[in-house]
Amino acid sequence: EQPQLSSRIDAWIRSGGVSATWLLYDFGGRDAALGEASALLGSAQYQHRAVLQEVFARVAMDYYAVQAAQGALGAAREVERTAADSVDVTGGRVRDGVSPISDQLLAQTQHAQAVVNRVRVEGDLRAASGVLAVDLGLDPSVVLVVPEAEGEGLSSQDFDESVGALIEEARRTHPAVAAARLNWEAGLQRVEQARGLPTLT
């Protein structure tokens, strides 16, 4: 009987097949794909490190900005105290008839300017502290306690030498440079894959 020629509506045909291929040699295509994937993974890891370093550098800069603002505030308060003492001294001298009233008015003006400057520096400190708090993932209104800056700075020669060494170190080990190098290597592997090398199956 020939079911394919049958007029019965419930006739059906079974067919089946199996196909198998075995890759014997791909002339370097798989190695190129693996090399590209490895280079891209390394590049992603270095880019992650570069982002972390940028965050650390930003936090450090903002930390030192808070310290600088604290130092500026201390200096502004000292100037304000000195100006207030000057107002008291010139006021007494004017009362005693030793100095003209213009000296007292000048001292009062200088004191008012010192107060305005101190208030401005306090605002700068609050802004710098808020920026540092945001860097740390905190609310900007959180009051941060940062220790005062201490110690002597580097001499000019030591500073120049240390900066030169840091620049050379960055050229050798900075994650962004390493990531760019690995991206370049991944591109070379991609070119190797795109050449259309034959495969033996």
N, C-alpha and C. Protein backbone atom coordinates (compact mmCIF):
# COMPACT_ATOMS: atom_id res chain seq x y z
N GLU A 1 0.85 -1.19 0.00
CA GLU A 1 0.00 0.00 0.00
C GLU A 1 0.89 1.25 0.00
N GLN A 2 0.45 2.30 -0.68
CA GLN A 2 1.20 3.55 -0.77
C GLN A 2 0.45 4.64 0.01
N PRO A 3 0.82 4.92 1.29
CA PRO A 3 0.05 5.89 2.08
C PRO A 3 0.13 7.29 1.50
N GLN A 4 1.19 7.62 0.83
CA GLN A 4 1.27 8.97 0.27
C GLN A 4 0.32 9.19 -0.89
N LEU A 5 -0.16 8.09 -1.50
CA LEU A 5 -1.11 8.21 -2.60
C LEU A 5 -2.54 7.91 -2.15
N SER A 6 -2.71 7.69 -0.89
CA SER A 6 -4.03 7.30 -0.38
C SER A 6 -4.96 8.49 -0.35
N SER A 7 -6.28 8.22 -0.58
CA SER A 7 -7.29 9.26 -0.51
C SER A 7 -7.91 9.34 0.87
N ARG A 8 -7.48 8.50 1.79
CA ARG A 8 -8.01 8.56 3.15
C ARG A 8 -7.48 9.80 3.86
N ILE A 9 -8.38 10.44 4.61
CA ILE A 9 -7.96 11.70 5.26
C ILE A 9 -7.17 11.43 6.53
N ASP A 10 -7.19 10.21 7.03
CA ASP A 10 -6.43 9.93 8.25
C ASP A 10 -5.08 9.29 7.93
N ALA A 11 -4.67 9.35 6.69
CA ALA A 11 -3.36 8.79 6.34
C ALA A 11 -2.26 9.72 6.81
N TRP A 12 -1.15 9.16 7.21
CA TRP A 12 -0.02 9.99 7.65
C TRP A 12 1.28 9.29 7.29
N ILE A 13 2.31 10.10 7.28
CA ILE A 13 3.63 9.60 6.86
C ILE A 13 4.63 9.91 7.97
N ARG A 14 5.46 8.99 8.27
CA ARG A 14 6.55 9.21 9.24
C ARG A 14 7.86 9.30 8.48
N SER A 15 8.65 10.25 8.92
CA SER A 15 9.99 10.32 8.35
C SER A 15 10.93 10.80 9.46
N GLY A 16 12.13 10.46 9.38
CA GLY A 16 13.10 10.85 10.40
C GLY A 16 14.49 10.92 9.80
N GLY A 17 15.35 11.64 10.49
CA GLY A 17 16.71 11.73 10.00
C GLY A 17 17.64 12.18 11.12
N VAL A 18 18.85 11.84 10.99
CA VAL A 18 19.87 12.22 11.96
C VAL A 18 21.04 12.80 11.18
N SER A 19 21.55 13.93 11.69
CA SER A 19 22.72 14.54 11.05
C SER A 19 23.72 14.88 12.13
N ALA A 20 24.95 14.61 11.91
CA ALA A 20 26.00 14.91 12.88
C ALA A 20 27.19 15.49 12.13
N THR A 21 27.76 16.54 12.73
CA THR A 21 28.98 17.11 12.16
C THR A 21 30.03 17.16 13.26
N TRP A 22 31.23 17.06 12.85
CA TRP A 22 32.32 17.09 13.80
C TRP A 22 33.38 18.04 13.24
N LEU A 23 33.65 19.10 14.03
CA LEU A 23 34.65 20.08 13.60
C LEU A 23 36.03 19.51 13.89
N LEU A 24 36.77 19.29 12.85
CA LEU A 24 38.11 18.72 13.02
C LEU A 24 39.16 19.80 13.21
N TYR A 25 39.04 20.86 12.43
CA TYR A 25 40.06 21.93 12.54
C TYR A 25 39.47 23.21 11.99
N ASP A 26 39.64 24.32 12.75
CA ASP A 26 39.08 25.59 12.29
C ASP A 26 40.15 26.62 11.93
N PHE A 27 41.39 26.21 11.84
CA PHE A 27 42.50 27.06 11.41
C PHE A 27 42.62 28.33 12.25
N GLY A 28 42.38 28.23 13.55
CA GLY A 28 42.62 29.36 14.46
C GLY A 28 41.42 30.23 14.76
N GLY A 29 40.26 29.93 14.18
CA GLY A 29 39.08 30.79 14.42
C GLY A 29 38.62 30.75 15.86
N ARG A 30 38.59 29.54 16.45
CA ARG A 30 38.14 29.41 17.82
C ARG A 30 39.14 30.06 18.79
N ASP A 31 40.42 29.90 18.51
CA ASP A 31 41.44 30.54 19.35
C ASP A 31 41.33 32.07 19.29
N ALA A 32 41.03 32.59 18.09
CA ALA A 32 40.86 34.04 17.94
C ALA A 32 39.65 34.53 18.73
N ALA A 33 38.55 33.77 18.69
CA ALA A 33 37.35 34.14 19.45
C ALA A 33 37.63 34.11 20.94
N LEU A 34 38.36 33.08 21.40
CA LEU A 34 38.71 32.99 22.82
C LEU A 34 39.64 34.13 23.22
N GLY A 35 40.59 34.44 22.35
CA GLY A 35 41.51 35.55 22.65
C GLY A 35 40.77 36.88 22.74
N GLU A 36 39.81 37.09 21.83
CA GLU A 36 39.03 38.34 21.87
C GLU A 36 38.22 38.42 23.16
N ALA A 37 37.56 37.31 23.53
CA ALA A 37 36.75 37.31 24.75
C ALA A 37 37.61 37.56 25.99
N SER A 38 38.80 36.95 26.03
CA SER A 38 39.70 37.14 27.17
C SER A 38 40.17 38.59 27.25
N ALA A 39 40.52 39.17 26.10
CA ALA A 39 40.97 40.56 26.09
C ALA A 39 39.87 41.50 26.51
N LEU A 40 38.63 41.25 26.05
CA LEU A 40 37.52 42.12 26.44
C LEU A 40 37.20 41.99 27.92
N LEU A 41 37.32 40.77 28.48
CA LEU A 41 37.11 40.60 29.92
C LEU A 41 38.17 41.37 30.71
N GLY A 42 39.42 41.23 30.29
CA GLY A 42 40.49 41.99 30.96
C GLY A 42 40.28 43.48 30.86
N SER A 43 39.84 43.94 29.69
CA SER A 43 39.56 45.36 29.49
C SER A 43 38.46 45.84 30.43
N ALA A 44 37.40 45.04 30.56
CA ALA A 44 36.30 45.41 31.46
C ALA A 44 36.78 45.49 32.91
N GLN A 45 37.65 44.56 33.30
CA GLN A 45 38.18 44.60 34.66
C GLN A 45 39.02 45.85 34.89
N TYR A 46 39.85 46.20 33.92
CA TYR A 46 40.67 47.40 34.07
C TYR A 46 39.81 48.67 34.06
N GLN A 47 38.75 48.68 33.25
CA GLN A 47 37.86 49.83 33.25
C GLN A 47 37.17 49.98 34.60
N HIS A 48 36.82 48.84 35.22
CA HIS A 48 36.24 48.88 36.57
C HIS A 48 37.23 49.49 37.55
N ARG A 49 38.49 49.08 37.47
CA ARG A 49 39.52 49.65 38.35
C ARG A 49 39.69 51.14 38.10
N ALA A 50 39.64 51.54 36.82
CA ALA A 50 39.80 52.95 36.50
C ALA A 50 38.68 53.78 37.12
N VAL A 51 37.45 53.27 37.06
CA VAL A 51 36.32 53.99 37.66
C VAL A 51 36.52 54.10 39.17
N LEU A 52 36.98 53.01 39.80
CA LEU A 52 37.23 53.05 41.24
C LEU A 52 38.30 54.08 41.58
N GLN A 53 39.35 54.13 40.77
CA GLN A 53 40.41 55.10 41.03
C GLN A 53 39.91 56.52 40.87
N GLU A 54 39.04 56.75 39.89
CA GLU A 54 38.47 58.09 39.72
C GLU A 54 37.65 58.48 40.95
N VAL A 55 36.88 57.51 41.47
CA VAL A 55 36.08 57.80 42.67
C VAL A 55 36.99 58.09 43.85
N PHE A 56 38.03 57.27 44.03
CA PHE A 56 38.95 57.49 45.14
C PHE A 56 39.63 58.86 45.02
N ALA A 57 40.05 59.21 43.80
CA ALA A 57 40.72 60.50 43.60
C ALA A 57 39.77 61.65 43.90
N ARG A 58 38.51 61.52 43.48
CA ARG A 58 37.53 62.58 43.74
C ARG A 58 37.28 62.74 45.24
N VAL A 59 37.16 61.61 45.94
CA VAL A 59 36.94 61.67 47.39
C VAL A 59 38.14 62.30 48.07
N ALA A 60 39.36 61.92 47.65
CA ALA A 60 40.56 62.50 48.26
C ALA A 60 40.62 64.01 48.02
N MET A 61 40.33 64.44 46.79
CA MET A 61 40.35 65.88 46.49
C MET A 61 39.32 66.62 47.33
N ASP A 62 38.13 66.05 47.44
CA ASP A 62 37.08 66.72 48.22
C ASP A 62 37.41 66.70 49.71
N TYR A 63 38.09 65.65 50.17
CA TYR A 63 38.52 65.58 51.57
C TYR A 63 39.49 66.72 51.87
N TYR A 64 40.49 66.89 50.98
CA TYR A 64 41.47 67.96 51.20
C TYR A 64 40.83 69.34 51.01
N ALA A 65 39.80 69.42 50.19
CA ALA A 65 39.08 70.70 50.06
C ALA A 65 38.40 71.06 51.37
N VAL A 66 37.86 70.06 52.07
CA VAL A 66 37.25 70.32 53.38
C VAL A 66 38.32 70.77 54.37
N GLN A 67 39.47 70.09 54.35
CA GLN A 67 40.55 70.50 55.25
C GLN A 67 41.00 71.93 54.96
N ALA A 68 41.12 72.28 53.67
CA ALA A 68 41.53 73.64 53.31
C ALA A 68 40.49 74.66 53.75
N ALA A 69 39.22 74.31 53.60
CA ALA A 69 38.15 75.22 54.03
C ALA A 69 38.16 75.40 55.54
N GLN A 70 38.46 74.31 56.27
CA GLN A 70 38.57 74.43 57.73
C GLN A 70 39.71 75.37 58.11
N GLY A 71 40.85 75.23 57.44
CA GLY A 71 41.98 76.12 57.70
C GLY A 71 41.64 77.57 57.38
N ALA A 72 40.94 77.77 56.26
CA ALA A 72 40.55 79.13 55.89
C ALA A 72 39.58 79.71 56.90
N LEU A 73 38.69 78.88 57.43
CA LEU A 73 37.75 79.36 58.44
C LEU A 73 38.48 79.76 59.72
N GLY A 74 39.46 78.96 60.13
CA GLY A 74 40.25 79.32 61.32
C GLY A 74 40.95 80.66 61.13
N ALA A 75 41.52 80.86 59.95
CA ALA A 75 42.19 82.14 59.67
C ALA A 75 41.20 83.29 59.65
N ALA A 76 40.02 83.08 59.05
CA ALA A 76 39.01 84.14 58.99
C ALA A 76 38.51 84.51 60.39
N ARG A 77 38.37 83.52 61.27
CA ARG A 77 37.95 83.82 62.64
C ARG A 77 39.02 84.62 63.37
N GLU A 78 40.27 84.28 63.12
CA GLU A 78 41.36 85.02 63.76
C GLU A 78 41.39 86.47 63.29
N VAL A 79 41.18 86.68 61.98
CA VAL A 79 41.13 88.05 61.44
C VAL A 79 39.95 88.81 62.05
N GLU A 80 38.82 88.12 62.20
CA GLU A 80 37.65 88.77 62.79
C GLU A 80 37.92 89.17 64.24
N ARG A 81 38.59 88.29 65.00
CA ARG A 81 38.92 88.64 66.39
C ARG A 81 39.86 89.84 66.46
N THR A 82 40.85 89.83 65.58
CA THR A 82 41.79 90.95 65.56
C THR A 82 41.08 92.25 65.20
N ALA A 83 40.16 92.18 64.23
CA ALA A 83 39.42 93.39 63.84
C ALA A 83 38.52 93.86 64.97
N ALA A 84 37.92 92.93 65.72
CA ALA A 84 37.08 93.31 66.86
C ALA A 84 37.91 93.98 67.93
N ASP A 85 39.12 93.44 68.20
CA ASP A 85 40.01 94.08 69.18
C ASP A 85 40.40 95.48 68.73
N SER A 86 40.62 95.63 67.42
CA SER A 86 40.98 96.95 66.88
C SER A 86 39.84 97.95 67.07
N VAL A 87 38.61 97.48 66.90
CA VAL A 87 37.45 98.37 67.12
C VAL A 87 37.42 98.84 68.58
N ASP A 88 37.67 97.90 69.51
CA ASP A 88 37.67 98.26 70.93
C ASP A 88 38.78 99.27 71.25
N VAL A 89 39.97 99.02 70.70
CA VAL A 89 41.10 99.91 70.99
C VAL A 89 40.87 101.29 70.41
N THR A 90 40.46 101.34 69.14
CA THR A 90 40.25 102.67 68.53
C THR A 90 39.07 103.39 69.17
N GLY A 91 38.04 102.63 69.63
CA GLY A 91 36.93 103.27 70.32
C GLY A 91 37.41 103.94 71.60
N GLY A 92 38.28 103.27 72.36
CA GLY A 92 38.83 103.88 73.58
C GLY A 92 39.68 105.09 73.27
N ARG A 93 40.47 105.00 72.21
CA ARG A 93 41.34 106.14 71.85
C ARG A 93 40.51 107.34 71.41
N VAL A 94 39.38 107.06 70.71
CA VAL A 94 38.52 108.17 70.29
C VAL A 94 37.86 108.79 71.51
N ARG A 95 37.43 107.95 72.46
CA ARG A 95 36.80 108.48 73.67
C ARG A 95 37.78 109.33 74.49
N ASP A 96 39.07 108.91 74.45
CA ASP A 96 40.08 109.66 75.20
C ASP A 96 40.56 110.88 74.42
N GLY A 97 40.11 111.03 73.20
CA GLY A 97 40.50 112.19 72.40
C GLY A 97 41.86 112.06 71.77
N VAL A 98 42.41 110.85 71.73
CA VAL A 98 43.74 110.64 71.16
C VAL A 98 43.68 110.44 69.66
N SER A 99 42.59 109.79 69.16
CA SER A 99 42.47 109.50 67.73
C SER A 99 41.20 110.14 67.19
N PRO A 100 41.21 110.44 65.90
CA PRO A 100 39.99 111.01 65.30
C PRO A 100 38.93 109.92 65.11
N ILE A 101 37.71 110.35 64.95
CA ILE A 101 36.58 109.42 64.75
C ILE A 101 36.74 108.59 63.48
N SER A 102 37.48 109.11 62.52
CA SER A 102 37.68 108.37 61.26
C SER A 102 38.41 107.06 61.51
N ASP A 103 39.32 107.04 62.51
CA ASP A 103 40.02 105.78 62.82
C ASP A 103 39.04 104.73 63.33
N GLN A 104 38.11 105.16 64.16
CA GLN A 104 37.11 104.23 64.68
C GLN A 104 36.20 103.72 63.57
N LEU A 105 35.79 104.60 62.68
CA LEU A 105 34.94 104.19 61.56
C LEU A 105 35.67 103.22 60.64
N LEU A 106 36.96 103.47 60.42
CA LEU A 106 37.76 102.57 59.58
C LEU A 106 37.86 101.19 60.24
N ALA A 107 38.10 101.18 61.56
CA ALA A 107 38.20 99.90 62.28
C ALA A 107 36.87 99.15 62.23
N GLN A 108 35.76 99.88 62.38
CA GLN A 108 34.45 99.23 62.30
C GLN A 108 34.19 98.65 60.92
N THR A 109 34.60 99.37 59.87
CA THR A 109 34.45 98.88 58.50
C THR A 109 35.26 97.61 58.28
N GLN A 110 36.50 97.62 58.78
CA GLN A 110 37.35 96.44 58.63
C GLN A 110 36.76 95.24 59.39
N HIS A 111 36.19 95.50 60.56
CA HIS A 111 35.56 94.42 61.33
C HIS A 111 34.35 93.86 60.57
N ALA A 112 33.54 94.75 59.99
CA ALA A 112 32.37 94.30 59.23
C ALA A 112 32.81 93.45 58.04
N GLN A 113 33.88 93.87 57.36
CA GLN A 113 34.39 93.08 56.23
C GLN A 113 34.90 91.72 56.69
N ALA A 114 35.54 91.69 57.87
CA ALA A 114 36.03 90.41 58.41
C ALA A 114 34.87 89.49 58.74
N VAL A 115 33.76 90.05 59.26
CA VAL A 115 32.59 89.22 59.56
C VAL A 115 32.00 88.64 58.27
N VAL A 116 31.88 89.51 57.24
CA VAL A 116 31.35 89.04 55.95
C VAL A 116 32.24 87.93 55.37
N ASN A 117 33.54 88.11 55.47
CA ASN A 117 34.47 87.11 54.94
C ASN A 117 34.35 85.80 55.71
N ARG A 118 34.23 85.89 57.04
CA ARG A 118 34.08 84.68 57.86
C ARG A 118 32.79 83.93 57.50
N VAL A 119 31.71 84.65 57.29
CA VAL A 119 30.45 84.01 56.91
C VAL A 119 30.58 83.34 55.54
N ARG A 120 31.26 83.99 54.60
CA ARG A 120 31.47 83.40 53.27
C ARG A 120 32.30 82.12 53.37
N VAL A 121 33.35 82.16 54.19
CA VAL A 121 34.20 80.97 54.35
C VAL A 121 33.43 79.84 55.03
N GLU A 122 32.56 80.17 55.99
CA GLU A 122 31.72 79.15 56.60
C GLU A 122 30.83 78.48 55.55
N GLY A 123 30.28 79.29 54.64
CA GLY A 123 29.47 78.73 53.56
C GLY A 123 30.30 77.82 52.66
N ASP A 124 31.55 78.25 52.36
CA ASP A 124 32.43 77.40 51.54
C ASP A 124 32.70 76.07 52.23
N LEU A 125 32.90 76.12 53.56
CA LEU A 125 33.15 74.89 54.30
C LEU A 125 31.93 73.98 54.27
N ARG A 126 30.75 74.55 54.44
CA ARG A 126 29.54 73.72 54.40
C ARG A 126 29.36 73.09 53.02
N ALA A 127 29.63 73.87 51.97
CA ALA A 127 29.50 73.33 50.61
C ALA A 127 30.51 72.21 50.37
N ALA A 128 31.77 72.42 50.78
CA ALA A 128 32.78 71.38 50.59
C ALA A 128 32.44 70.14 51.39
N SER A 129 31.94 70.31 52.61
CA SER A 129 31.54 69.17 53.44
C SER A 129 30.37 68.42 52.80
N GLY A 130 29.43 69.15 52.21
CA GLY A 130 28.30 68.51 51.53
C GLY A 130 28.74 67.70 50.33
N VAL A 131 29.70 68.23 49.57
CA VAL A 131 30.21 67.51 48.40
C VAL A 131 30.90 66.21 48.84
N LEU A 132 31.70 66.30 49.91
CA LEU A 132 32.37 65.10 50.42
C LEU A 132 31.35 64.08 50.93
N ALA A 133 30.30 64.55 51.59
CA ALA A 133 29.27 63.64 52.08
C ALA A 133 28.59 62.92 50.91
N VAL A 134 28.30 63.65 49.84
CA VAL A 134 27.68 63.02 48.65
C VAL A 134 28.63 62.00 48.04
N ASP A 135 29.94 62.33 48.00
CA ASP A 135 30.92 61.36 47.49
C ASP A 135 30.88 60.06 48.29
N LEU A 136 30.63 60.18 49.59
CA LEU A 136 30.63 59.01 50.46
C LEU A 136 29.26 58.33 50.51
N GLY A 137 28.30 58.85 49.73
CA GLY A 137 26.97 58.26 49.70
C GLY A 137 26.11 58.66 50.88
N LEU A 138 26.44 59.79 51.52
CA LEU A 138 25.68 60.27 52.67
C LEU A 138 24.81 61.45 52.26
N ASP A 139 23.93 61.83 53.17
CA ASP A 139 23.11 63.01 52.95
C ASP A 139 24.00 64.26 53.00
N PRO A 140 23.81 65.22 52.10
CA PRO A 140 24.68 66.41 52.09
C PRO A 140 24.62 67.22 53.38
N SER A 141 23.56 67.07 54.15
CA SER A 141 23.46 67.86 55.38
C SER A 141 24.18 67.21 56.55
N VAL A 142 24.74 66.01 56.37
CA VAL A 142 25.47 65.35 57.45
C VAL A 142 26.71 66.16 57.79
N VAL A 143 26.93 66.35 59.08
CA VAL A 143 28.12 67.09 59.54
C VAL A 143 29.28 66.11 59.63
N LEU A 144 30.29 66.32 58.83
CA LEU A 144 31.46 65.44 58.83
C LEU A 144 32.56 66.05 59.69
N VAL A 145 33.21 65.21 60.47
CA VAL A 145 34.33 65.64 61.29
C VAL A 145 35.61 65.22 60.57
N VAL A 146 36.34 66.20 60.07
CA VAL A 146 37.57 65.95 59.34
C VAL A 146 38.72 66.53 60.15
N PRO A 147 39.77 65.74 60.44
CA PRO A 147 40.89 66.28 61.22
C PRO A 147 41.59 67.42 60.50
N GLU A 148 42.16 68.31 61.29
CA GLU A 148 42.88 69.44 60.70
C GLU A 148 44.13 68.94 59.97
N ALA A 149 44.51 69.67 58.93
CA ALA A 149 45.73 69.32 58.19
C ALA A 149 46.94 69.58 59.08
N GLU A 150 47.91 68.67 58.99
CA GLU A 150 49.11 68.79 59.82
C GLU A 150 50.35 68.61 58.96
N GLY A 151 51.49 68.97 59.53
CA GLY A 151 52.78 68.67 58.92
C GLY A 151 53.21 69.69 57.89
N GLU A 152 54.47 69.55 57.55
CA GLU A 152 55.08 70.42 56.55
C GLU A 152 54.86 69.83 55.17
N GLY A 153 54.72 70.67 54.17
CA GLY A 153 54.59 70.20 52.80
C GLY A 153 55.91 69.75 52.23
N LEU A 154 55.88 69.12 51.09
CA LEU A 154 57.12 68.70 50.42
C LEU A 154 57.87 69.91 49.89
N SER A 155 59.18 69.79 49.86
CA SER A 155 59.96 70.85 49.23
C SER A 155 59.68 70.83 47.73
N SER A 156 60.04 71.92 47.06
CA SER A 156 59.75 72.03 45.63
C SER A 156 60.42 70.92 44.83
N GLN A 157 61.67 70.61 45.20
CA GLN A 157 62.40 69.56 44.46
C GLN A 157 61.77 68.20 44.71
N ASP A 158 61.44 67.89 45.97
CA ASP A 158 60.80 66.61 46.28
C ASP A 158 59.46 66.48 45.56
N PHE A 159 58.73 67.60 45.52
CA PHE A 159 57.42 67.58 44.88
C PHE A 159 57.56 67.28 43.39
N ASP A 160 58.51 67.97 42.72
CA ASP A 160 58.71 67.74 41.28
C ASP A 160 59.12 66.30 41.01
N GLU A 161 60.02 65.75 41.85
CA GLU A 161 60.47 64.37 41.64
C GLU A 161 59.32 63.39 41.86
N SER A 162 58.51 63.63 42.90
CA SER A 162 57.42 62.69 43.17
C SER A 162 56.37 62.74 42.07
N VAL A 163 56.10 63.93 41.53
CA VAL A 163 55.13 64.04 40.44
C VAL A 163 55.64 63.31 39.20
N GLY A 164 56.92 63.47 38.89
CA GLY A 164 57.49 62.77 37.74
C GLY A 164 57.39 61.26 37.89
N ALA A 165 57.67 60.76 39.11
CA ALA A 165 57.58 59.32 39.35
C ALA A 165 56.13 58.84 39.23
N LEU A 166 55.19 59.64 39.71
CA LEU A 166 53.78 59.26 39.62
C LEU A 166 53.31 59.21 38.16
N ILE A 167 53.76 60.17 37.35
CA ILE A 167 53.36 60.18 35.94
C ILE A 167 53.89 58.94 35.24
N GLU A 168 55.16 58.59 35.52
CA GLU A 168 55.74 57.40 34.90
C GLU A 168 55.01 56.13 35.37
N GLU A 169 54.67 56.09 36.64
CA GLU A 169 53.93 54.93 37.17
C GLU A 169 52.56 54.82 36.51
N ALA A 170 51.91 55.96 36.29
CA ALA A 170 50.59 55.95 35.64
C ALA A 170 50.69 55.43 34.22
N ARG A 171 51.75 55.81 33.50
CA ARG A 171 51.91 55.32 32.14
C ARG A 171 52.04 53.80 32.11
N ARG A 172 52.69 53.25 33.12
CA ARG A 172 52.93 51.81 33.14
C ARG A 172 51.74 51.02 33.67
N THR A 173 51.05 51.54 34.68
CA THR A 173 50.09 50.69 35.38
C THR A 173 48.67 51.24 35.44
N HIS A 174 48.40 52.40 34.88
CA HIS A 174 47.04 52.95 35.03
C HIS A 174 46.03 52.05 34.33
N PRO A 175 44.91 51.73 35.00
CA PRO A 175 43.92 50.81 34.42
C PRO A 175 43.36 51.28 33.09
N ALA A 176 43.21 52.59 32.89
CA ALA A 176 42.66 53.06 31.62
C ALA A 176 43.62 52.74 30.47
N VAL A 177 44.93 52.85 30.73
CA VAL A 177 45.92 52.52 29.70
C VAL A 177 45.89 51.02 29.41
N ALA A 178 45.83 50.21 30.49
CA ALA A 178 45.79 48.76 30.31
C ALA A 178 44.51 48.34 29.58
N ALA A 179 43.37 48.98 29.90
CA ALA A 179 42.11 48.66 29.24
C ALA A 179 42.19 48.99 27.75
N ALA A 180 42.79 50.13 27.43
CA ALA A 180 42.93 50.50 26.01
C ALA A 180 43.81 49.49 25.28
N ARG A 181 44.87 49.03 25.94
CA ARG A 181 45.75 48.04 25.32
C ARG A 181 44.99 46.74 25.05
N LEU A 182 44.18 46.30 26.01
CA LEU A 182 43.43 45.06 25.83
C LEU A 182 42.33 45.21 24.77
N ASN A 183 41.72 46.39 24.70
CA ASN A 183 40.74 46.63 23.62
C ASN A 183 41.40 46.53 22.26
N TRP A 184 42.61 47.04 22.16
CA TRP A 184 43.37 46.96 20.91
C TRP A 184 43.65 45.49 20.57
N GLU A 185 44.05 44.70 21.58
CA GLU A 185 44.32 43.28 21.33
C GLU A 185 43.04 42.55 20.92
N ALA A 186 41.91 42.91 21.54
CA ALA A 186 40.63 42.29 21.16
C ALA A 186 40.29 42.64 19.72
N GLY A 187 40.58 43.86 19.31
CA GLY A 187 40.34 44.26 17.93
C GLY A 187 41.18 43.44 16.95
N LEU A 188 42.43 43.17 17.33
CA LEU A 188 43.27 42.33 16.46
C LEU A 188 42.69 40.93 16.34
N GLN A 189 42.19 40.38 17.44
CA GLN A 189 41.60 39.05 17.40
C GLN A 189 40.32 39.05 16.55
N ARG A 190 39.56 40.15 16.64
CA ARG A 190 38.34 40.26 15.84
C ARG A 190 38.69 40.28 14.34
N VAL A 191 39.77 40.97 14.00
CA VAL A 191 40.23 40.99 12.61
C VAL A 191 40.60 39.58 12.17
N GLU A 192 41.28 38.84 13.06
CA GLU A 192 41.68 37.48 12.73
C GLU A 192 40.46 36.60 12.46
N GLN A 193 39.40 36.80 13.26
CA GLN A 193 38.17 36.03 13.05
C GLN A 193 37.49 36.42 11.74
N ALA A 194 37.51 37.72 11.41
CA ALA A 194 36.79 38.21 10.25
C ALA A 194 37.44 37.84 8.93
N ARG A 195 38.62 37.28 8.97
CA ARG A 195 39.31 36.93 7.72
C ARG A 195 38.61 35.81 6.98
N GLY A 196 37.71 35.09 7.65
CA GLY A 196 36.96 34.02 6.96
C GLY A 196 37.80 32.80 6.69
N LEU A 197 38.59 32.37 7.70
CA LEU A 197 39.41 31.18 7.53
C LEU A 197 38.52 29.95 7.36
N PRO A 198 38.96 28.95 6.62
CA PRO A 198 38.12 27.77 6.39
C PRO A 198 38.06 26.88 7.63
N THR A 199 37.07 26.01 7.67
CA THR A 199 36.96 25.01 8.72
C THR A 199 36.87 23.64 8.09
N LEU A 200 37.41 22.66 8.74
CA LEU A 200 37.38 21.27 8.26
C LEU A 200 36.43 20.50 9.16
N THR A 201 35.31 20.04 8.58
CA THR A 201 34.32 19.29 9.38
C THR A 201 34.13 17.93 8.76
